[in-house]
Amino acid sequence: MSTITLSKKQIQKNGGVVVLSMKEYKKLSERVVPDYYLTGKAARNLDKLVKEGLRDYKAGKCRKIKSLADLD
């Protein structure tokens, strides 16, 4: 076990301290990312875009780049 020592100044300056188990922390951090559900035309357009991207990937038209300058 590790021991952490904080002064009252540090706690008051930073607005407090929270201690959580890793399991609880992971659950909370996963809930931070919002879920988006598309319907109608937006969903169809996204499905089409993904389908085209997968087709290009399978055809070997994609390549790895290190920066946007490599797109030339």
Protein backbone atom coordinates (compact mmCIF):
# COMPACT_ATOMS: atom_id res chain seq x y z
CA MET A 1 0.00 0.00 0.00
CA SER A 2 1.15 3.51 -0.75
CA THR A 3 0.66 6.43 1.55
CA ILE A 4 -0.13 9.85 0.12
CA THR A 5 0.30 12.96 2.24
CA LEU A 6 -1.38 16.22 1.26
CA SER A 7 -1.40 19.47 3.14
CA LYS A 8 -4.61 21.39 3.77
CA LYS A 9 -3.29 24.14 1.47
CA GLN A 10 -2.97 21.68 -1.41
CA ILE A 11 -6.46 20.32 -0.87
CA GLN A 12 -8.09 23.73 -0.56
CA LYS A 13 -6.16 25.13 -3.54
CA ASN A 14 -7.19 22.24 -5.80
CA GLY A 15 -10.80 22.07 -4.63
CA GLY A 16 -10.63 18.79 -2.72
CA VAL A 17 -9.57 15.20 -3.21
CA VAL A 18 -11.56 12.13 -4.24
CA VAL A 19 -10.40 8.55 -3.74
CA LEU A 20 -12.00 5.90 -5.95
CA SER A 21 -11.28 2.30 -6.79
CA MET A 22 -9.99 1.72 -10.32
CA LYS A 23 -13.22 -0.12 -11.17
CA GLU A 24 -15.36 2.84 -10.14
CA TYR A 25 -13.03 5.30 -11.90
CA LYS A 26 -13.26 3.33 -15.16
CA LYS A 27 -17.07 3.23 -14.94
CA LEU A 28 -17.23 6.98 -14.42
CA SER A 29 -14.75 7.77 -17.20
CA GLU A 30 -16.66 5.58 -19.67
CA ARG A 31 -19.84 7.53 -19.00
CA VAL A 32 -18.14 10.83 -19.89
CA VAL A 33 -18.16 10.02 -23.61
CA PRO A 34 -21.63 10.73 -25.01
CA ASP A 35 -23.54 8.24 -27.16
CA TYR A 36 -24.91 9.50 -30.45
CA TYR A 37 -27.68 7.75 -32.31
CA LEU A 38 -28.33 8.82 -35.88
CA THR A 39 -31.59 8.21 -37.69
CA GLY A 40 -32.97 8.89 -41.12
CA LYS A 41 -30.84 10.50 -43.81
CA ALA A 42 -27.88 11.18 -41.49
CA ALA A 43 -27.68 7.48 -40.57
CA ARG A 44 -27.91 6.38 -44.21
CA ASN A 45 -25.18 8.84 -45.24
CA LEU A 46 -22.86 7.63 -42.50
CA ASP A 47 -23.53 3.97 -43.37
CA LYS A 48 -22.70 4.75 -47.01
CA LEU A 49 -19.48 6.53 -46.03
CA VAL A 50 -18.35 3.61 -43.87
CA LYS A 51 -19.22 1.09 -46.59
CA GLU A 52 -17.17 3.04 -49.16
CA GLY A 53 -14.25 3.33 -46.75
CA LEU A 54 -14.23 -0.39 -46.04
CA ARG A 55 -14.42 -1.14 -49.77
CA ASP A 56 -11.43 1.16 -50.44
CA TYR A 57 -9.49 -0.44 -47.56
CA LYS A 58 -10.10 -3.96 -48.89
CA ALA A 59 -9.10 -2.82 -52.39
CA GLY A 60 -5.76 -1.55 -51.05
CA LYS A 61 -6.46 2.11 -51.80
CA CYS A 62 -5.59 3.19 -48.25
CA ARG A 63 -2.14 3.93 -46.89
CA LYS A 64 -0.63 4.88 -43.55
CA ILE A 65 0.63 8.43 -43.20
CA LYS A 66 2.62 10.08 -40.45
CA SER A 67 1.32 13.59 -41.09
CA LEU A 68 -1.02 15.47 -43.41
CA ALA A 69 2.02 16.58 -45.43
CA ASP A 70 2.31 12.96 -46.65
CA LEU A 71 -0.95 13.33 -48.59
CA ASP A 72 0.79 15.10 -51.49
